[in-house]
C-alpha atoms as a PDB file:
ATOM      1  CA  MET A   1     -18.523 -84.735  85.723  1.00  0.00           C
ATOM      2  CA  THR A   2     -21.868 -83.950  84.110  1.00  0.00           C
ATOM      3  CA  GLN A   3     -23.537 -83.742  80.722  1.00  0.00           C
ATOM      4  CA  GLN A   4     -22.664 -80.032  80.676  1.00  0.00           C
ATOM      5  CA  ASP A   5     -19.002 -80.824  81.367  1.00  0.00           C
ATOM      6  CA  VAL A   6     -18.943 -83.139  78.342  1.00  0.00           C
ATOM      7  CA  GLU A   7     -20.386 -80.419  76.113  1.00  0.00           C
ATOM      8  CA  THR A   8     -18.026 -77.760  77.489  1.00  0.00           C
ATOM      9  CA  LEU A   9     -14.939 -79.933  76.962  1.00  0.00           C
ATOM     10  CA  THR A  10     -16.044 -80.802  73.426  1.00  0.00           C
ATOM     11  CA  LYS A  11     -16.336 -77.095  72.576  1.00  0.00           C
ATOM     12  CA  GLU A  12     -12.974 -76.350  74.179  1.00  0.00           C
ATOM     13  CA  ILE A  13     -11.258 -79.040  72.095  1.00  0.00           C
ATOM     14  CA  LEU A  14     -12.890 -77.851  68.874  1.00  0.00           C
ATOM     15  CA  GLU A  15     -11.794 -74.282  69.570  1.00  0.00           C
ATOM     16  CA  THR A  16      -8.158 -75.417  69.437  1.00  0.00           C
ATOM     17  CA  ILE A  17      -8.665 -76.263  65.740  1.00  0.00           C
ATOM     18  CA  ASP A  18      -7.613 -73.157  63.796  1.00  0.00           C
ATOM     19  CA  ARG A  19      -9.605 -73.578  60.600  1.00  0.00           C
ATOM     20  CA  GLU A  20     -13.373 -73.558  60.406  1.00  0.00           C
ATOM     21  CA  ARG A  21     -13.364 -76.241  57.671  1.00  0.00           C
ATOM     22  CA  GLU A  22     -11.463 -78.720  59.847  1.00  0.00           C
ATOM     23  CA  ARG A  23     -13.735 -77.976  62.822  1.00  0.00           C
ATOM     24  CA  GLU A  24     -16.716 -78.680  60.589  1.00  0.00           C
ATOM     25  CA  ILE A  25     -15.252 -81.972  59.388  1.00  0.00           C
ATOM     26  CA  ILE A  26     -14.514 -83.248  62.902  1.00  0.00           C
ATOM     27  CA  SER A  27     -17.911 -82.131  64.229  1.00  0.00           C
ATOM     28  CA  ARG A  28     -19.788 -83.861  61.446  1.00  0.00           C
ATOM     29  CA  ARG A  29     -17.665 -87.023  61.326  1.00  0.00           C
ATOM     30  CA  TYR A  30     -18.075 -87.651  65.058  1.00  0.00           C
ATOM     31  CA  GLY A  31     -21.663 -86.386  65.251  1.00  0.00           C
ATOM     32  CA  LEU A  32     -20.826 -83.850  67.957  1.00  0.00           C
ATOM     33  CA  TYR A  33     -23.900 -81.695  67.346  1.00  0.00           C
ATOM     34  CA  ASP A  34     -26.067 -83.768  65.028  1.00  0.00           C
ATOM     35  CA  ARG A  35     -25.986 -87.171  63.372  1.00  0.00           C
ATOM     36  CA  LYS A  36     -22.690 -88.567  62.110  1.00  0.00           C
ATOM     37  CA  GLU A  37     -22.003 -87.956  58.431  1.00  0.00           C
ATOM     38  CA  THR A  38     -20.016 -89.878  55.838  1.00  0.00           C
ATOM     39  CA  LEU A  39     -16.948 -88.643  53.993  1.00  0.00           C
ATOM     40  CA  GLU A  40     -19.069 -88.307  50.846  1.00  0.00           C
ATOM     41  CA  GLN A  41     -21.749 -86.218  52.573  1.00  0.00           C
ATOM     42  CA  ILE A  42     -19.204 -83.842  54.082  1.00  0.00           C
ATOM     43  CA  GLY A  43     -17.299 -83.606  50.781  1.00  0.00           C
ATOM     44  CA  GLU A  44     -20.444 -82.591  48.934  1.00  0.00           C
ATOM     45  CA  LEU A  45     -21.221 -79.960  51.575  1.00  0.00           C
ATOM     46  CA  LEU A  46     -17.724 -78.450  51.524  1.00  0.00           C
ATOM     47  CA  GLY A  47     -17.122 -78.874  47.796  1.00  0.00           C
ATOM     48  CA  ILE A  48     -14.105 -81.172  48.180  1.00  0.00           C
ATOM     49  CA  THR A  49     -13.437 -84.845  47.422  1.00  0.00           C
ATOM     50  CA  ARG A  50     -14.108 -87.720  49.782  1.00  0.00           C
ATOM     51  CA  GLU A  51     -10.370 -88.423  49.917  1.00  0.00           C
ATOM     52  CA  ARG A  52      -9.588 -84.817  50.836  1.00  0.00           C
ATOM     53  CA  VAL A  53     -12.080 -84.981  53.710  1.00  0.00           C
ATOM     54  CA  ARG A  54     -10.378 -88.152  54.962  1.00  0.00           C
ATOM     55  CA  GLN A  55      -6.933 -86.521  54.768  1.00  0.00           C
ATOM     56  CA  LEU A  56      -8.066 -83.432  56.671  1.00  0.00           C
ATOM     57  CA  GLU A  57      -9.791 -85.506  59.331  1.00  0.00           C
ATOM     58  CA  LYS A  58      -6.691 -87.644  59.866  1.00  0.00           C
ATOM     59  CA  ALA A  59      -4.347 -84.651  60.023  1.00  0.00           C
ATOM     60  CA  THR A  60      -6.593 -82.769  62.447  1.00  0.00           C
ATOM     61  CA  MET A  61      -7.037 -85.725  64.801  1.00  0.00           C
ATOM     62  CA  THR A  62      -3.261 -86.327  64.749  1.00  0.00           C
ATOM     63  CA  ARG A  63      -2.641 -82.714  65.874  1.00  0.00           C
ATOM     64  CA  LEU A  64      -5.296 -83.005  68.599  1.00  0.00           C
ATOM     65  CA  ARG A  65      -3.765 -86.237  69.919  1.00  0.00           C
ATOM     66  CA  LEU A  66      -0.301 -84.661  69.998  1.00  0.00           C
ATOM     67  CA  ASN A  67      -1.715 -81.750  71.998  1.00  0.00           C
ATOM     68  CA  ALA A  68      -3.378 -84.206  74.373  1.00  0.00           C
ATOM     69  CA  GLU A  69      -0.141 -86.153  74.860  1.00  0.00           C
ATOM     70  CA  ALA A  70       1.658 -82.882  75.588  1.00  0.00           C
ATOM     71  CA  GLU A  71      -1.017 -82.223  78.217  1.00  0.00           C
ATOM     72  CA  GLU A  72      -1.837 -78.855  76.693  1.00  0.00           C
ATOM     73  CA  MET A  73      -5.490 -79.233  77.734  1.00  0.00           C
ATOM     74  CA  GLU A  74      -5.784 -79.585  81.506  1.00  0.00           C
ATOM     75  CA  SER A  75      -9.546 -80.177  81.312  1.00  0.00           C
ATOM     76  CA  LEU A  76      -9.008 -83.141  78.982  1.00  0.00           C
ATOM     77  CA  LYS A  77      -6.500 -84.618  81.421  1.00  0.00           C
ATOM     78  CA  THR A  78      -9.007 -84.214  84.256  1.00  0.00           C
ATOM     79  CA  PHE A  79     -11.788 -85.799  82.212  1.00  0.00           C
ATOM     80  CA  GLU A  80      -9.538 -88.712  81.268  1.00  0.00           C
ATOM     81  CA  ALA A  81      -8.930 -89.386  84.961  1.00  0.00           C
ATOM     82  CA  THR A  82     -12.685 -89.485  85.518  1.00  0.00           C
ATOM     83  CA  LEU A  83     -13.153 -91.960  82.670  1.00  0.00           C
ATOM     84  CA  VAL A  84     -10.424 -94.195  84.108  1.00  0.00           C
ATOM     85  CA  GLU A  85     -12.177 -94.155  87.501  1.00  0.00           C
ATOM     86  CA  VAL A  86     -15.428 -95.212  85.841  1.00  0.00           C
ATOM     87  CA  LEU A  87     -13.801 -97.914  83.692  1.00  0.00           C
ATOM     88  CA  GLN A  88     -11.764 -99.654  86.389  1.00  0.00           C
ATOM     89  CA  PRO A  89     -14.659-101.191  88.365  1.00  0.00           C
ATOM     90  CA  LEU A  90     -16.350-102.135  85.086  1.00  0.00           C
ATOM     91  CA  GLY A  91     -13.485-104.429  84.102  1.00  0.00           C
ATOM     92  CA  ASN A  92     -11.365-101.720  82.394  1.00  0.00           C
ATOM     93  CA  VAL A  93     -13.657-101.989  79.363  1.00  0.00           C
ATOM     94  CA  ALA A  94     -17.088-100.519  78.673  1.00  0.00           C
ATOM     95  CA  ARG A  95     -19.408 -99.561  75.871  1.00  0.00           C
ATOM     96  CA  ILE A  96     -19.526 -95.834  75.206  1.00  0.00           C
ATOM     97  CA  ALA A  97     -23.259 -95.993  75.939  1.00  0.00           C
ATOM     98  CA  LYS A  98     -22.464 -97.283  79.433  1.00  0.00           C
ATOM     99  CA  LEU A  99     -19.865 -94.559  80.033  1.00  0.00           C
ATOM    100  CA  SER A 100     -22.270 -91.912  78.826  1.00  0.00           C
ATOM    101  CA  GLN A 101     -24.942 -93.150  81.200  1.00  0.00           C
ATOM    102  CA  GLU A 102     -22.488 -93.174  84.117  1.00  0.00           C
ATOM    103  CA  ILE A 103     -21.352 -89.619  83.399  1.00  0.00           C
ATOM    104  CA  CYS A 104     -24.452 -87.924  81.966  1.00  0.00           C
ATOM    105  CA  GLY A 105     -27.089 -89.879  83.865  1.00  0.00           C
ATOM    106  CA  GLU A 106     -30.320 -91.442  82.621  1.00  0.00           C
ATOM    107  CA  GLY A 107     -30.832 -88.511  80.259  1.00  0.00           C
ATOM    108  CA  SER A 108     -27.789 -89.495  78.214  1.00  0.00           C
ATOM    109  CA  THR A 109     -28.302 -88.936  74.471  1.00  0.00           C
ATOM    110  CA  LYS A 110     -26.725 -90.181  71.242  1.00  0.00           C
ATOM    111  CA  ILE A 111     -24.905 -86.865  70.954  1.00  0.00           C
ATOM    112  CA  ASP A 112     -23.491 -87.299  74.474  1.00  0.00           C
ATOM    113  CA  GLN A 113     -22.211 -90.716  73.384  1.00  0.00           C
ATOM    114  CA  SER A 114     -20.660 -89.262  70.224  1.00  0.00           C
ATOM    115  CA  ARG A 115     -18.887 -86.579  72.263  1.00  0.00           C
ATOM    116  CA  ILE A 116     -17.512 -89.117  74.730  1.00  0.00           C
ATOM    117  CA  SER A 117     -16.286 -91.292  71.836  1.00  0.00           C
ATOM    118  CA  PHE A 118     -14.508 -88.231  70.437  1.00  0.00           C
ATOM    119  CA  ILE A 119     -12.913 -87.423  73.804  1.00  0.00           C
ATOM    120  CA  VAL A 120     -11.852 -91.051  74.381  1.00  0.00           C
ATOM    121  CA  ASP A 121     -10.241 -91.083  70.940  1.00  0.00           C
ATOM    122  CA  LEU A 122      -7.989 -88.226  72.096  1.00  0.00           C
ATOM    123  CA  CYS A 123      -7.099 -89.467  75.578  1.00  0.00           C
ATOM    124  CA  PRO A 124      -3.490 -90.799  75.673  1.00  0.00           C
ATOM    125  CA  ASN A 125      -4.283 -93.474  78.265  1.00  0.00           C
ATOM    126  CA  LEU A 126      -7.519 -94.725  76.707  1.00  0.00           C
ATOM    127  CA  SER A 127      -8.280 -96.704  73.540  1.00  0.00           C
ATOM    128  CA  LEU A 128     -11.407 -96.459  71.423  1.00  0.00           C
ATOM    129  CA  VAL A 129     -12.910 -99.605  69.907  1.00  0.00           C
ATOM    130  CA  ALA A 130     -14.572 -98.151  66.829  1.00  0.00           C
ATOM    131  CA  GLU A 131     -18.087 -99.223  65.933  1.00  0.00           C
ATOM    132  CA  ASN A 132     -18.452-101.725  63.077  1.00  0.00           C
ATOM    133  CA  ASP A 133     -20.601-104.751  62.198  1.00  0.00           C
ATOM    134  CA  ASP A 134     -19.198-106.719  65.151  1.00  0.00           C
ATOM    135  CA  PHE A 135     -18.629-104.141  67.882  1.00  0.00           C
ATOM    136  CA  TYR A 136     -20.421-101.344  69.672  1.00  0.00           C
ATOM    137  CA  PRO A 137     -18.253 -98.236  70.205  1.00  0.00           C
ATOM    138  CA  SER A 138     -16.328 -98.920  73.411  1.00  0.00           C
ATOM    139  CA  ALA A 139     -13.479 -97.641  75.544  1.00  0.00           C
ATOM    140  CA  THR A 140     -10.626 -99.430  77.286  1.00  0.00           C
ATOM    141  CA  ILE A 141      -7.791 -98.507  79.621  1.00  0.00           C
ATOM    142  CA  THR A 142      -4.848 -98.925  77.254  1.00  0.00           C
ATOM    143  CA  LYS A 143      -2.245-100.147  79.733  1.00  0.00           C
ATOM    144  CA  VAL A 144      -4.599-102.962  80.806  1.00  0.00           C
ATOM    145  CA  ILE A 145      -6.065-103.928  77.432  1.00  0.00           C
ATOM    146  CA  ASP A 146      -5.920-101.838  74.269  1.00  0.00           C
ATOM    147  CA  ASP A 147      -8.497-101.732  71.478  1.00  0.00           C
ATOM    148  CA  LYS A 148      -6.800-104.448  69.393  1.00  0.00           C
ATOM    149  CA  ALA A 149      -6.445-106.836  72.343  1.00  0.00           C
ATOM    150  CA  ALA A 150     -10.025-106.133  73.403  1.00  0.00           C
ATOM    151  CA  SER A 151     -11.339-106.949  69.915  1.00  0.00           C
ATOM    152  CA  GLU A 152      -9.341-110.192  69.813  1.00  0.00           C
ATOM    153  CA  ALA A 153     -10.466-111.250  73.301  1.00  0.00           C
ATOM    154  CA  THR A 154     -14.095-110.542  72.461  1.00  0.00           C
ATOM    155  CA  GLY A 155     -13.748-112.585  69.278  1.00  0.00           C
ATOM    156  CA  LYS A 156     -12.566-115.526  71.390  1.00  0.00           C
ATOM    157  CA  ILE A 157     -15.674-115.251  73.588  1.00  0.00           C
ATOM    158  CA  VAL A 158     -17.891-115.415  70.496  1.00  0.00           C
ATOM    159  CA  ALA A 159     -15.922-118.367  69.111  1.00  0.00           C
ATOM    160  CA  LYS A 160     -16.115-120.223  72.423  1.00  0.00           C
ATOM    161  CA  LEU A 161     -19.900-119.854  72.592  1.00  0.00           C
ATOM    162  CA  LYS A 162     -20.153-121.134  69.020  1.00  0.00           C
ATOM    163  CA  ASP A 163     -18.139-124.182  70.081  1.00  0.00           C
ATOM    164  CA  LEU A 164     -20.304-124.729  73.166  1.00  0.00           C
ATOM    165  CA  GLY A 165     -23.447-124.495  71.054  1.00  0.00           C
ATOM    166  CA  LYS A 166     -25.613-123.341  73.963  1.00  0.00           C
ATOM    167  CA  PRO A 167     -25.921-120.400  76.391  1.00  0.00           C
ATOM    168  CA  SER A 168     -23.573-120.297  79.355  1.00  0.00           C
ATOM    169  CA  THR A 169     -22.833-118.145  82.399  1.00  0.00           C
ATOM    170  CA  ILE A 170     -20.043-115.611  82.173  1.00  0.00           C
ATOM    171  CA  ASP A 171     -18.164-117.468  84.931  1.00  0.00           C
ATOM    172  CA  ALA A 172     -18.207-120.673  82.884  1.00  0.00           C
ATOM    173  CA  ILE A 173     -17.122-118.817  79.743  1.00  0.00           C
ATOM    174  CA  ALA A 174     -14.222-117.165  81.572  1.00  0.00           C
ATOM    175  CA  LYS A 175     -13.169-120.570  82.900  1.00  0.00           C
ATOM    176  CA  GLU A 176     -13.306-122.091  79.407  1.00  0.00           C
ATOM    177  CA  LEU A 177     -11.047-119.277  78.199  1.00  0.00           C
ATOM    178  CA  SER A 178      -8.704-119.663  81.192  1.00  0.00           C
ATOM    179  CA  SER A 179      -9.401-116.076  82.209  1.00  0.00           C
ATOM    180  CA  SER A 180      -9.158-115.158  85.876  1.00  0.00           C
ATOM    181  CA  ASP A 181     -10.828-111.774  85.299  1.00  0.00           C
ATOM    182  CA  VAL A 182     -14.539-112.586  85.072  1.00  0.00           C
ATOM    183  CA  LYS A 183     -15.506-108.904  85.279  1.00  0.00           C
ATOM    184  CA  GLN A 184     -13.409-108.089  82.236  1.00  0.00           C
ATOM    185  CA  THR A 185     -14.762-111.102  80.324  1.00  0.00           C
ATOM    186  CA  GLU A 186     -18.287-109.842  80.965  1.00  0.00           C
ATOM    187  CA  ALA A 187     -17.345-106.290  80.000  1.00  0.00           C
ATOM    188  CA  LEU A 188     -15.842-107.512  76.741  1.00  0.00           C
ATOM    189  CA  ALA A 189     -18.947-109.567  75.988  1.00  0.00           C
ATOM    190  CA  THR A 190     -21.122-106.453  76.294  1.00  0.00           C
ATOM    191  CA  THR A 191     -19.131-104.773  73.508  1.00  0.00           C
ATOM    192  CA  SER A 192     -20.011-107.446  70.935  1.00  0.00           C
ATOM    193  CA  LYS A 193     -22.949-107.081  68.570  1.00  0.00           C
ATOM    194  CA  ASN A 194     -22.852-110.855  68.098  1.00  0.00           C
ATOM    195  CA  LEU A 195     -23.720-111.672  71.720  1.00  0.00           C
ATOM    196  CA  ALA A 196     -26.751-111.292  73.947  1.00  0.00           C
ATOM    197  CA  THR A 197     -27.580-112.093  77.556  1.00  0.00           C
ATOM    198  CA  LEU A 198     -30.733-112.952  79.438  1.00  0.00           C
ATOM    199  CA  ASN A 199     -31.198-114.105  83.039  1.00  0.00           C
ATOM    200  CA  GLY A 200     -27.479-114.568  83.596  1.00  0.00           C
ATOM    201  CA  GLN A 201     -26.954-116.641  80.443  1.00  0.00           C
ATOM    202  CA  TRP A 202     -24.816-115.482  77.515  1.00  0.00           C
ATOM    203  CA  GLY A 203     -25.121-116.703  73.952  1.00  0.00           C
ATOM    204  CA  LEU A 204     -25.115-115.775  70.284  1.00  0.00           C
ATOM    205  CA  ILE A 205     -27.559-113.021  69.417  1.00  0.00           C
ATOM    206  CA  LYS A 206     -29.355-115.368  66.995  1.00  0.00           C
ATOM    207  CA  TRP A 207     -30.228-117.767  69.830  1.00  0.00           C
ATOM    208  CA  PRO A 208     -33.824-117.161  70.993  1.00  0.00           C
ATOM    209  CA  THR A 209     -33.002-118.352  74.527  1.00  0.00           C
ATOM    210  CA  VAL A 210     -30.920-115.224  75.145  1.00  0.00           C
ATOM    211  CA  ASN A 211     -32.447-112.896  72.551  1.00  0.00           C
ATOM    212  CA  PRO A 212     -36.132-113.742  72.045  1.00  0.00           C
ATOM    213  CA  LYS A 213     -37.445-111.555  69.231  1.00  0.00           C
ATOM    214  CA  ASN A 214     -41.071-112.655  68.957  1.00  0.00           C
ATOM    215  CA  ILE A 215     -43.869-114.000  71.153  1.00  0.00           C
ATOM    216  CA  ARG A 216     -43.104-117.633  70.340  1.00  0.00           C
ATOM    217  CA  ASP A 217     -39.465-117.278  71.377  1.00  0.00           C
ATOM    218  CA  LYS A 218     -40.511-115.602  74.626  1.00  0.00           C
ATOM    219  CA  ILE A 219     -42.931-118.452  75.358  1.00  0.00           C
ATOM    220  CA  TYR A 220     -40.113-120.911  74.737  1.00  0.00           C
ATOM    221  CA  VAL A 221     -37.788-119.080  77.142  1.00  0.00           C
ATOM    222  CA  ILE A 222     -40.464-118.916  79.858  1.00  0.00           C
ATOM    223  CA  LEU A 223     -41.231-122.651  79.603  1.00  0.00           C
ATOM    224  CA  GLN A 224     -37.554-123.557  79.550  1.00  0.00           C
ATOM    225  CA  GLN A 225     -36.874-121.434  82.620  1.00  0.00           C
ATOM    226  CA  ASN A 226     -39.851-122.930  84.447  1.00  0.00           C
ATOM    227  CA  GLY A 227     -38.689-126.441  83.626  1.00  0.00           C
ATOM    228  CA  LYS A 228     -42.187-127.906  83.501  1.00  0.00           C
ATOM    229  CA  HIS A 229     -45.599-127.475  81.897  1.00  0.00           C
ATOM    230  CA  MET A 230     -47.591-124.261  82.348  1.00  0.00           C
ATOM    231  CA  HIS A 231     -51.101-122.998  81.690  1.00  0.00           C
ATOM    232  CA  PHE A 232     -51.186-120.423  78.895  1.00  0.00           C
ATOM    233  CA  SER A 233     -52.506-117.742  81.265  1.00  0.00           C
ATOM    234  CA  ASP A 234     -49.531-118.318  83.574  1.00  0.00           C
ATOM    235  CA  ILE A 235     -47.164-118.054  80.589  1.00  0.00           C
ATOM    236  CA  ALA A 236     -48.726-114.697  79.688  1.00  0.00           C
ATOM    237  CA  LYS A 237     -48.275-113.447  83.251  1.00  0.00           C
ATOM    238  CA  ALA A 238     -44.663-114.649  83.352  1.00  0.00           C
ATOM    239  CA  ILE A 239     -43.884-112.740  80.145  1.00  0.00           C
ATOM    240  CA  LYS A 240     -45.390-109.543  81.565  1.00  0.00           C
ATOM    241  CA  ASP A 241     -43.292-109.979  84.734  1.00  0.00           C
ATOM    242  CA  SER A 242     -40.101-110.778  82.793  1.00  0.00           C
ATOM    243  CA  ASP A 243     -37.076-108.688  81.782  1.00  0.00           C
ATOM    244  CA  PHE A 244     -37.958-108.916  78.079  1.00  0.00           C
ATOM    245  CA  LYS A 245     -37.704-105.614  76.216  1.00  0.00           C
ATOM    246  CA  ARG A 246     -41.204-105.908  74.746  1.00  0.00           C
ATOM    247  CA  LYS A 247     -43.631-107.781  76.960  1.00  0.00           C
ATOM    248  CA  ASP A 248     -47.016-106.154  76.433  1.00  0.00           C
ATOM    249  CA  VAL A 249     -48.880-109.190  75.077  1.00  0.00           C
ATOM    250  CA  THR A 250     -52.415-110.464  75.552  1.00  0.00           C
ATOM    251  CA  THR A 251     -53.302-113.853  76.954  1.00  0.00           C
ATOM    252  CA  GLN A 252     -55.181-114.676  73.747  1.00  0.00           C
ATOM    253  CA  ALA A 253     -52.117-113.861  71.636  1.00  0.00           C
ATOM    254  CA  ILE A 254     -50.058-116.238  73.777  1.00  0.00           C
ATOM    255  CA  HIS A 255     -52.643-119.007  73.342  1.00  0.00           C
ATOM    256  CA  ASN A 256     -52.731-118.491  69.569  1.00  0.00           C
ATOM    257  CA  GLU A 257     -48.944-118.782  69.258  1.00  0.00           C
ATOM    258  CA  LEU A 258     -48.845-121.890  71.449  1.00  0.00           C
ATOM    259  CA  ILE A 259     -51.278-123.589  69.082  1.00  0.00           C
ATOM    260  CA  LYS A 260     -49.286-122.666  65.948  1.00  0.00           C
ATOM    261  CA  ASP A 261     -45.735-123.510  67.044  1.00  0.00           C
ATOM    262  CA  LYS A 262     -44.563-127.144  66.824  1.00  0.00           C
ATOM    263  CA  ARG A 263     -42.177-126.608  69.748  1.00  0.00           C
ATOM    264  CA  PHE A 264     -45.148-126.604  72.145  1.00  0.00           C
ATOM    265  CA  VAL A 265     -47.404-129.544  72.986  1.00  0.00           C
ATOM    266  CA  LEU A 266     -50.844-129.348  74.568  1.00  0.00           C
ATOM    267  CA  ILE A 267     -50.778-131.852  77.442  1.00  0.00           C
ATOM    268  CA  GLY A 268     -53.887-130.801  79.369  1.00  0.00           C
ATOM    269  CA  ARG A 269     -56.712-128.283  79.383  1.00  0.00           C
ATOM    270  CA  GLY A 270     -54.857-125.087  78.401  1.00  0.00           C
ATOM    271  CA  ILE A 271     -51.582-126.603  79.664  1.00  0.00           C
ATOM    272  CA  TYR A 272     -48.507-126.701  77.451  1.00  0.00           C
ATOM    273  CA  ALA A 273     -45.041-128.257  77.582  1.00  0.00           C
ATOM    274  CA  LEU A 274     -41.993-128.297  75.311  1.00  0.00           C
ATOM    275  CA  LYS A 275     -41.763-130.975  72.656  1.00  0.00           C
ATOM    276  CA  GLU A 276     -38.053-131.338  73.417  1.00  0.00           C
ATOM    277  CA  TRP A 277     -38.987-132.711  76.841  1.00  0.00           C
ATOM    278  CA  GLY A 278     -40.270-135.849  75.118  1.00  0.00           C
ATOM    279  CA  TYR A 279     -43.921-134.876  74.720  1.00  0.00           C
ATOM    280  CA  LYS A 280     -45.838-135.788  71.559  1.00  0.00           C
ATOM    281  CA  LYS A 281     -48.867-134.143  70.055  1.00  0.00           C
ATOM    282  CA  GLY A 282     -52.137-136.052  70.209  1.00  0.00           C
ATOM    283  CA  THR A 283     -55.298-136.706  72.160  1.00  0.00           C
ATOM    284  CA  VAL A 284     -55.491-138.789  75.336  1.00  0.00           C
ATOM    285  CA  ALA A 285     -56.697-141.685  73.180  1.00  0.00           C
ATOM    286  CA  ASP A 286     -53.628-141.266  70.949  1.00  0.00           C
ATOM    287  CA  ILE A 287     -51.357-141.467  73.979  1.00  0.00           C
ATOM    288  CA  ILE A 288     -53.124-144.588  75.307  1.00  0.00           C
ATOM    289  CA  THR A 289     -52.655-146.181  71.897  1.00  0.00           C
ATOM    290  CA  GLU A 290     -48.964-145.302  71.946  1.00  0.00           C
ATOM    291  CA  VAL A 291     -48.597-146.749  75.461  1.00  0.00           C
ATOM    292  CA  LEU A 292     -50.209-150.065  74.464  1.00  0.00           C
ATOM    293  CA  LYS A 293     -48.175-150.303  71.261  1.00  0.00           C
ATOM    294  CA  GLU A 294     -44.938-149.791  73.143  1.00  0.00           C
ATOM    295  CA  ALA A 295     -45.953-152.361  75.792  1.00  0.00           C
ATOM    296  CA  GLN A 296     -46.798-154.988  73.140  1.00  0.00           C
ATOM    297  CA  GLU A 297     -49.052-156.656  75.690  1.00  0.00           C
ATOM    298  CA  PRO A 298     -52.261-155.924  77.598  1.00  0.00           C
ATOM    299  CA  LEU A 299     -51.875-153.592  80.566  1.00  0.00           C
ATOM    300  CA  HIS A 300     -53.834-153.074  83.762  1.00  0.00           C
ATOM    301  CA  ARG A 301     -55.747-149.821  83.722  1.00  0.00           C
ATOM    302  CA  ASP A 302     -53.696-148.489  86.669  1.00  0.00           C
ATOM    303  CA  GLU A 303     -50.515-149.046  84.702  1.00  0.00           C
ATOM    304  CA  ILE A 304     -52.029-147.368  81.645  1.00  0.00           C
ATOM    305  CA  VAL A 305     -53.036-144.365  83.758  1.00  0.00           C
ATOM    306  CA  LYS A 306     -49.553-144.181  85.245  1.00  0.00           C
ATOM    307  CA  ARG A 307     -47.850-144.179  81.844  1.00  0.00           C
ATOM    308  CA  VAL A 308     -50.254-141.713  80.238  1.00  0.00           C
ATOM    309  CA  LEU A 309     -49.760-139.247  83.097  1.00  0.00           C
ATOM    310  CA  ARG A 310     -46.078-139.106  82.242  1.00  0.00           C
ATOM    311  CA  SER A 311     -46.946-137.176  79.107  1.00  0.00           C
ATOM    312  CA  ARG A 312     -50.384-135.692  79.809  1.00  0.00           C
ATOM    313  CA  TYR A 313     -51.573-133.446  82.605  1.00  0.00           C
ATOM    314  CA  VAL A 314     -55.168-134.709  82.825  1.00  0.00           C
ATOM    315  CA  LYS A 315     -57.466-136.290  85.382  1.00  0.00           C
ATOM    316  CA  GLU A 316     -57.376-140.058  85.829  1.00  0.00           C
ATOM    317  CA  THR A 317     -61.089-140.197  85.061  1.00  0.00           C
ATOM    318  CA  THR A 318     -60.400-138.687  81.624  1.00  0.00           C
ATOM    319  CA  ILE A 319     -58.018-141.541  80.838  1.00  0.00           C
ATOM    320  CA  LEU A 320     -60.445-144.171  82.122  1.00  0.00           C
ATOM    321  CA  LEU A 321     -63.323-142.715  80.115  1.00  0.00           C
ATOM    322  CA  ASN A 322     -61.202-142.929  76.957  1.00  0.00           C
ATOM    323  CA  LEU A 323     -60.285-146.530  77.732  1.00  0.00           C
ATOM    324  CA  GLN A 324     -63.908-147.515  78.215  1.00  0.00           C
ATOM    325  CA  GLY A 325     -65.460-145.351  75.509  1.00  0.00           C
ATOM    326  CA  LYS A 326     -63.139-145.668  72.524  1.00  0.00           C
ATOM    327  CA  LYS A 327     -63.515-148.534  70.046  1.00  0.00           C
ATOM    328  CA  GLN A 328     -59.776-148.994  69.568  1.00  0.00           C
ATOM    329  CA  PHE A 329     -59.428-150.359  73.109  1.00  0.00           C
ATOM    330  CA  LYS A 330     -60.859-153.620  74.416  1.00  0.00           C
ATOM    331  CA  ARG A 331     -60.965-155.130  77.848  1.00  0.00           C
ATOM    332  CA  VAL A 332     -59.290-158.533  77.765  1.00  0.00           C
ATOM    333  CA  SER A 333     -59.672-159.386  81.455  1.00  0.00           C
ATOM    334  CA  LYS A 334     -60.618-157.663  84.689  1.00  0.00           C
ATOM    335  CA  ALA A 335     -59.421-154.015  84.491  1.00  0.00           C
ATOM    336  CA  THR A 336     -56.904-155.004  81.806  1.00  0.00           C
ATOM    337  CA  TYR A 337     -56.906-153.529  78.306  1.00  0.00           C
ATOM    338  CA  ALA A 338     -55.328-154.080  74.905  1.00  0.00           C
ATOM    339  CA  LEU A 339     -55.622-152.574  71.434  1.00  0.00           C
ATOM    340  CA  ASP A 340     -58.516-153.834  69.386  1.00  0.00           C
ATOM    341  CA  GLU A 341     -56.808-155.025  66.223  1.00  0.00           C
ATOM    342  CA  ALA A 342     -60.103-155.932  64.559  1.00  0.00           C
END
């Protein structure tokens, strides 16, 4: 099946509609040749009420479905078989956009997707999950999982991730839901407008770890994935090498955002870490002060160096120079320092 086959079948189906007005309504409602139009828009064009447009659309689609069930269109039956073959390895569920890409190739258009939605809506053995605020238009193999069951199952995936409160792999989600069909769980997740995935992790679309929308969120994801501090130039390179949708950023822009966002802490020369890892903002002298306050006793310089290096990526000499050069620290015995309370 090809893009041309989709167009040819669409025309063939429309030609079975006797009246030009009904053909116009179906074409415009499904967006078969241009953008989809509302009942009001079509009513104004045809000089009839919104309700009359709805009635005619419903009656026409009912007749088309009856014809399809009676197998009066052999080409529709053949196309349905192709769609089933595509859907089965995808988990028996797929977004219309995915089906369109599989059938029409990389050049698949919005109109191709609208035509496939229209065809799926007529196929006796397929169910169409209509697009709304929560779902992308999708298709299912009815005998495996119909549109209602698919919507309910997808809702449970969203609810489970809300309960978990953090991103998770699709295998873990399927296990939480006691589902043995991981492929179908993943397929269902792709149909939800409330979910997003990144690097094998699924989560709510509002979570920046799976759906980073700005530079700061992307920096956060890169640092979290790396698991340790990074130089800002390395963060910039990692973003450019990532799977993010928009990743054309400059190194200077990355540095600027690191400075502004409280989630990131400067722990060395151009080196940043996440605050959630236990790092605190401040100079080396600030960290030494914190170390001595927590100790509540003088510490040997080697011990001070050791503790400061837990939260700062600097040279030992930098720490020693701060110890010896800052007035807030005093040497109380050989190589041992305390806070100067004076």
